[in-house]
Amino acid sequence: MERVCFRLQVRKEHLTEYVRRHQEVWPDMLQALRETGWTNYSLFLDPSDGLLIGYLETPDLEAAKAGMAAREVNARWQADMAPFFEALDGLAPDEGFLRLQEIFYLA
């Protein structure tokens, strides 16, 4: 199982709405994530500066991303979420995140 941690930067002016949207994630988006191998998926937000840290486990990140890329609901969700983030350079949030290097794991 691949453990994946990543970061994104939420625009400070959108923090409240970003949190609200994640309290109401679309059921078909949740189903698509489960079906494509995104497990133990969590998002952590620093409300002081908008730093967003994501964590997930998946058998294969590239396969999980490809599975989501093939889903219409993901295209809608990513387009809806893109304005919330800084520095994506035209990428969708699920393609523009910076993956962090794991340097320690206590099993």
Protein backbone atom coordinates (compact mmCIF):
# COMPACT_ATOMS: atom_id res chain seq x y z
CA MET A 1 0.00 0.00 0.00
CA GLU A 2 1.35 3.38 -1.00
CA ARG A 3 1.07 6.12 1.65
CA VAL A 4 0.78 9.54 0.02
CA CYS A 5 1.05 12.94 1.66
CA PHE A 6 0.69 16.14 -0.33
CA ARG A 7 0.25 19.85 0.09
CA LEU A 8 -1.70 22.60 -1.57
CA GLN A 9 -2.28 26.23 -0.68
CA VAL A 10 -5.86 27.41 -0.18
CA ARG A 11 -6.45 31.10 -0.81
CA LYS A 12 -7.03 32.80 2.53
CA GLU A 13 -10.16 34.55 1.30
CA HIS A 14 -11.73 31.15 0.47
CA LEU A 15 -10.94 29.21 3.65
CA THR A 16 -14.44 29.25 5.14
CA GLU A 17 -16.11 28.19 1.91
CA TYR A 18 -13.48 25.51 1.24
CA VAL A 19 -14.16 23.95 4.64
CA ARG A 20 -17.93 24.16 4.06
CA ARG A 21 -17.66 22.41 0.70
CA HIS A 22 -15.79 19.53 2.32
CA GLN A 23 -18.56 19.07 4.84
CA GLU A 24 -20.85 18.40 1.86
CA VAL A 25 -18.73 16.39 -0.58
CA TRP A 26 -20.95 15.05 -3.33
CA PRO A 27 -21.96 11.41 -2.75
CA ASP A 28 -20.96 10.45 -6.31
CA MET A 29 -17.51 11.98 -5.73
CA LEU A 30 -17.07 9.96 -2.52
CA GLN A 31 -18.13 6.81 -4.36
CA ALA A 32 -15.70 7.48 -7.21
CA LEU A 33 -12.81 7.95 -4.75
CA ARG A 34 -13.61 4.67 -3.04
CA GLU A 35 -14.00 2.80 -6.33
CA THR A 36 -10.66 4.04 -7.68
CA GLY A 37 -8.59 3.12 -4.64
CA TRP A 38 -8.39 6.27 -2.50
CA THR A 39 -8.52 5.01 1.09
CA ASN A 40 -7.90 6.57 4.49
CA TYR A 41 -8.08 9.92 2.70
CA SER A 42 -7.81 12.94 4.98
CA LEU A 43 -7.33 16.67 4.52
CA PHE A 44 -5.81 18.92 7.19
CA LEU A 45 -6.01 22.71 6.97
CA ASP A 46 -4.04 25.39 8.80
CA PRO A 47 -6.62 28.19 9.08
CA SER A 48 -3.95 30.78 9.82
CA ASP A 49 -2.38 30.62 6.35
CA GLY A 50 -4.37 28.15 4.20
CA LEU A 51 -1.78 25.38 4.10
CA LEU A 52 -3.60 22.19 3.16
CA ILE A 53 -2.06 18.78 3.84
CA GLY A 54 -3.64 15.69 2.34
CA TYR A 55 -3.00 12.07 3.20
CA LEU A 56 -4.24 8.91 1.52
CA GLU A 57 -3.39 5.28 1.09
CA THR A 58 -3.74 3.50 -2.22
CA PRO A 59 -2.34 0.41 -3.93
CA ASP A 60 -1.04 2.63 -6.77
CA LEU A 61 -1.27 6.43 -6.85
CA GLU A 62 -0.93 6.72 -10.61
CA ALA A 63 -3.69 4.16 -11.15
CA ALA A 64 -5.89 5.90 -8.57
CA LYS A 65 -5.35 9.26 -10.27
CA ALA A 66 -6.02 7.76 -13.70
CA GLY A 67 -9.19 6.15 -12.42
CA MET A 68 -10.43 9.49 -11.13
CA ALA A 69 -9.40 11.28 -14.32
CA ALA A 70 -11.79 9.00 -16.21
CA ARG A 71 -14.75 10.00 -14.02
CA GLU A 72 -17.01 12.84 -15.09
CA VAL A 73 -17.74 13.71 -11.47
CA ASN A 74 -14.05 14.29 -10.86
CA ALA A 75 -13.83 16.75 -13.75
CA ARG A 76 -16.74 18.70 -12.26
CA TRP A 77 -15.29 18.59 -8.72
CA GLN A 78 -11.80 19.66 -9.80
CA ALA A 79 -13.20 22.55 -11.85
CA ASP A 80 -15.31 23.60 -8.87
CA MET A 81 -12.34 23.43 -6.47
CA ALA A 82 -9.63 24.99 -8.67
CA PRO A 83 -10.46 28.64 -7.80
CA PHE A 84 -9.84 27.91 -4.11
CA PHE A 85 -6.12 27.25 -4.64
CA GLU A 86 -2.98 29.27 -5.28
CA ALA A 87 -0.17 28.37 -7.69
CA LEU A 88 -1.72 25.55 -9.71
CA ASP A 89 -0.37 26.92 -13.00
CA GLY A 90 -3.44 25.78 -14.90
CA LEU A 91 -3.50 22.27 -13.42
CA ALA A 92 -6.47 20.74 -11.64
CA PRO A 93 -5.94 20.44 -7.87
CA ASP A 94 -5.57 16.65 -8.08
CA GLU A 95 -2.77 17.11 -10.62
CA GLY A 96 -1.16 20.22 -9.13
CA PHE A 97 -0.52 19.08 -5.60
CA LEU A 98 3.04 18.76 -4.33
CA ARG A 99 3.73 15.27 -3.06
CA LEU A 100 5.79 15.23 0.12
CA GLN A 101 8.61 12.78 0.74
CA GLU A 102 8.03 10.26 3.51
CA ILE A 103 11.11 10.19 5.73
CA PHE A 104 9.82 8.18 8.71
CA TYR A 105 7.11 5.63 9.39
CA LEU A 106 6.33 3.83 12.63
CA ALA A 107 4.44 0.66 11.81
